[in-house]
Amino acid sequence: MKYYAFLMVLMFIQTGCRQLSPEEQEIYNNLNKEVNLEMFHSAPVYHKDTIVNLNEILNNYSFISIVYLKDGCAPCYPIFIDWHKKVNAFSLADDYTVLFIIEGNIYSSYERLIREVLEIEQIETNFYTVIDTNFSFLDGNMDVPYNIIDRSILIDRNRKIRLIGHPFSSDGMRNLFGRIVGI
């Protein structure tokens, strides 16, 4: 709750007496919404060379950045790479991680995704990935607009949205991210 109040105060300070732009208003309206991850409770979640259960992730981390990508989308591979490189450069708290949700189809697989990513650049994949072959993530979160999900969202232990956007997109976002997750 203190993070939500902090974000509201920060948004007020940044906007002063001016009215929020439609984009800022949409971000503000989506903070503190709950993200539904129930559709992945029986799905395999990949972490390096192992498969874990989503409950393990939810129980072990206080903060999770959710990065939603589409399998086969050439611009998405560099985003996947960029997240691994840039977030690994942070001094991360032990209770923070990233969950990539890859919208795919019946032919999508984690192994193929990693193979194609590594053809572009050799990276160490330190974060979690789930393949959404049923396209259920967007359906299960219809109250959160796609353009908000597409930016990436930071959720807390209660699955509430705490930050919208890439934590490394600007110094302001990096500082806000750091204050929220405690780095």
Protein backbone atom coordinates (compact mmCIF):
# COMPACT_ATOMS: atom_id res chain seq x y z
CA MET A 1 0.00 0.00 0.00
CA LYS A 2 2.86 2.37 0.77
CA TYR A 3 4.18 1.90 -2.79
CA TYR A 4 0.82 2.82 -4.27
CA ALA A 5 0.67 5.96 -2.13
CA PHE A 6 4.26 6.76 -3.11
CA LEU A 7 3.41 6.43 -6.81
CA MET A 8 0.38 8.66 -6.41
CA VAL A 9 2.43 11.34 -4.64
CA LEU A 10 5.19 11.09 -7.24
CA MET A 11 2.70 11.40 -10.08
CA PHE A 12 1.13 14.44 -8.36
CA ILE A 13 4.53 16.08 -7.88
CA GLN A 14 5.51 15.44 -11.48
CA THR A 15 2.26 16.76 -12.87
CA GLY A 16 1.86 19.69 -10.48
CA CYS A 17 -1.31 21.55 -11.21
CA ARG A 18 -1.55 20.51 -14.84
CA GLN A 19 -3.97 17.90 -16.03
CA LEU A 20 -2.67 14.44 -16.85
CA SER A 21 -2.27 13.58 -20.51
CA PRO A 22 -4.47 10.72 -21.73
CA GLU A 23 -1.43 8.42 -21.66
CA GLU A 24 -0.51 9.43 -18.10
CA GLN A 25 -4.13 9.03 -17.02
CA GLU A 26 -4.23 5.53 -18.50
CA ILE A 27 -1.06 4.58 -16.62
CA TYR A 28 -2.45 6.04 -13.40
CA ASN A 29 -5.76 4.18 -13.90
CA ASN A 30 -3.97 0.85 -14.26
CA LEU A 31 -1.69 1.09 -11.24
CA ASN A 32 -2.75 -1.27 -8.47
CA LYS A 33 -4.84 -3.47 -10.79
CA GLU A 34 -4.43 -7.15 -10.12
CA VAL A 35 -2.80 -9.28 -12.81
CA ASN A 36 -4.27 -12.73 -13.32
CA LEU A 37 -1.68 -15.49 -13.72
CA GLU A 38 -3.98 -18.42 -12.89
CA MET A 39 -3.81 -19.70 -16.48
CA PHE A 40 -0.14 -20.63 -15.94
CA HIS A 41 -0.41 -22.57 -12.67
CA SER A 42 -0.15 -25.91 -14.49
CA ALA A 43 1.99 -24.66 -17.38
CA PRO A 44 5.73 -25.30 -17.47
CA VAL A 45 7.78 -22.24 -16.57
CA TYR A 46 11.32 -22.43 -17.90
CA HIS A 47 14.35 -21.20 -15.98
CA LYS A 48 17.68 -21.92 -17.66
CA ASP A 49 17.68 -25.70 -18.13
CA THR A 50 14.94 -26.48 -15.61
CA ILE A 51 11.18 -26.37 -15.43
CA VAL A 52 9.59 -24.81 -12.36
CA ASN A 53 6.08 -24.24 -11.13
CA LEU A 54 4.63 -20.73 -11.20
CA ASN A 55 3.75 -21.00 -7.50
CA GLU A 56 7.47 -21.34 -6.70
CA ILE A 57 8.13 -18.03 -8.43
CA LEU A 58 5.16 -16.28 -6.84
CA ASN A 59 6.18 -17.52 -3.37
CA ASN A 60 9.89 -16.67 -3.73
CA TYR A 61 9.72 -13.15 -5.18
CA SER A 62 8.12 -9.97 -3.88
CA PHE A 63 8.41 -8.23 -7.25
CA ILE A 64 8.16 -9.62 -10.77
CA SER A 65 8.48 -7.72 -14.03
CA ILE A 66 6.17 -9.26 -16.59
CA VAL A 67 7.41 -8.86 -20.14
CA TYR A 68 4.87 -9.90 -22.77
CA LEU A 69 6.28 -10.85 -26.19
CA LYS A 70 5.06 -12.65 -29.29
CA ASP A 71 6.93 -15.70 -30.52
CA GLY A 72 8.30 -15.33 -34.03
CA CYS A 73 8.24 -11.55 -33.79
CA ALA A 74 11.74 -10.53 -34.96
CA PRO A 75 11.71 -7.24 -33.00
CA CYS A 76 10.78 -9.22 -29.87
CA TYR A 77 14.02 -11.19 -29.81
CA PRO A 78 16.11 -8.03 -29.29
CA ILE A 79 13.72 -7.00 -26.51
CA PHE A 80 14.26 -10.38 -24.82
CA ILE A 81 18.03 -9.92 -25.16
CA ASP A 82 17.89 -6.30 -24.00
CA TRP A 83 16.01 -7.23 -20.82
CA HIS A 84 18.56 -9.90 -19.94
CA LYS A 85 21.51 -7.60 -20.53
CA LYS A 86 20.13 -4.45 -18.91
CA VAL A 87 18.39 -5.97 -15.90
CA ASN A 88 21.44 -8.11 -15.16
CA ALA A 89 23.42 -4.85 -14.99
CA PHE A 90 21.29 -3.69 -12.02
CA SER A 91 22.20 -4.63 -8.49
CA LEU A 92 19.05 -6.70 -8.13
CA ALA A 93 17.29 -7.44 -4.89
CA ASP A 94 17.01 -11.14 -4.07
CA ASP A 95 13.23 -10.92 -4.16
CA TYR A 96 12.96 -9.57 -7.74
CA THR A 97 12.84 -11.44 -11.04
CA VAL A 98 11.50 -11.24 -14.57
CA LEU A 99 8.81 -13.45 -16.09
CA PHE A 100 8.64 -13.46 -19.88
CA ILE A 101 5.23 -14.47 -21.18
CA ILE A 102 5.66 -15.48 -24.80
CA GLU A 103 2.46 -15.56 -26.84
CA GLY A 104 2.93 -18.44 -29.21
CA ASN A 105 1.12 -21.15 -31.08
CA ILE A 106 1.10 -24.93 -30.95
CA TYR A 107 4.50 -24.98 -32.68
CA SER A 108 6.11 -22.57 -30.22
CA SER A 109 8.63 -23.91 -27.77
CA TYR A 110 11.05 -22.51 -25.25
CA GLU A 111 13.91 -24.41 -26.83
CA ARG A 112 13.25 -22.90 -30.27
CA LEU A 113 12.91 -19.42 -28.77
CA ILE A 114 16.26 -19.72 -26.98
CA ARG A 115 17.93 -21.18 -30.07
CA GLU A 116 16.73 -18.26 -32.21
CA VAL A 117 17.70 -15.70 -29.57
CA LEU A 118 21.19 -17.18 -29.25
CA GLU A 119 21.61 -16.98 -33.03
CA ILE A 120 21.28 -13.21 -32.62
CA GLU A 121 23.43 -12.83 -29.50
CA GLN A 122 24.96 -15.06 -26.86
CA ILE A 123 23.33 -14.21 -23.52
CA GLU A 124 22.86 -15.97 -20.24
CA THR A 125 19.14 -16.51 -19.72
CA ASN A 126 18.67 -15.84 -16.01
CA PHE A 127 14.94 -15.22 -15.91
CA TYR A 128 11.72 -17.20 -16.20
CA THR A 129 9.75 -17.86 -19.38
CA VAL A 130 6.33 -19.34 -20.01
CA ILE A 131 4.89 -20.03 -23.46
CA ASP A 132 1.25 -18.97 -23.79
CA THR A 133 0.08 -21.25 -26.61
CA ASN A 134 -3.58 -20.79 -25.70
CA PHE A 135 -3.38 -16.97 -25.88
CA SER A 136 -4.91 -16.96 -22.42
CA PHE A 137 -2.88 -14.21 -20.73
CA LEU A 138 -4.56 -11.35 -22.60
CA ASP A 139 -7.98 -13.00 -22.26
CA GLY A 140 -7.44 -13.43 -18.52
CA ASN A 141 -6.43 -9.78 -18.08
CA MET A 142 -8.97 -7.97 -20.22
CA ASP A 143 -9.25 -5.12 -17.69
CA VAL A 144 -5.61 -4.18 -18.34
CA PRO A 145 -5.22 -2.64 -21.82
CA TYR A 146 -2.83 -4.36 -24.22
CA ASN A 147 -0.74 -1.20 -24.61
CA ILE A 148 -0.10 -1.26 -20.84
CA ILE A 149 0.85 -4.95 -20.85
CA ASP A 150 3.00 -4.40 -23.94
CA ARG A 151 5.16 -1.86 -22.07
CA SER A 152 5.98 -4.39 -19.33
CA ILE A 153 4.55 -4.26 -15.85
CA LEU A 154 6.04 -4.70 -12.42
CA ILE A 155 3.79 -6.58 -10.02
CA ASP A 156 4.14 -7.14 -6.29
CA ARG A 157 3.55 -10.28 -4.22
CA ASN A 158 -0.22 -9.64 -4.38
CA ARG A 159 -0.01 -9.43 -8.20
CA LYS A 160 -0.86 -5.73 -8.14
CA ILE A 161 0.68 -3.49 -10.80
CA ARG A 162 3.27 -1.17 -9.20
CA LEU A 163 5.10 0.18 -12.25
CA ILE A 164 4.36 0.34 -15.96
CA GLY A 165 7.26 0.50 -18.40
CA HIS A 166 10.82 -0.73 -18.77
CA PRO A 167 12.84 -0.01 -15.63
CA PHE A 168 15.86 0.87 -17.76
CA SER A 169 14.09 3.20 -20.22
CA SER A 170 15.22 6.39 -18.44
CA ASP A 171 16.99 7.56 -15.30
CA GLY A 172 13.61 8.48 -13.78
CA MET A 173 12.21 5.00 -14.40
CA ARG A 174 15.39 3.39 -13.08
CA ASN A 175 15.17 5.47 -9.90
CA LEU A 176 11.48 4.76 -9.41
CA PHE A 177 12.04 1.05 -10.03
CA GLY A 178 14.87 1.08 -7.51
CA ARG A 179 12.74 2.74 -4.87
CA ILE A 180 9.92 0.26 -5.36
CA VAL A 181 11.97 -2.93 -5.34
CA GLY A 182 14.56 -1.67 -2.86
CA ILE A 183 17.77 -1.66 -4.86
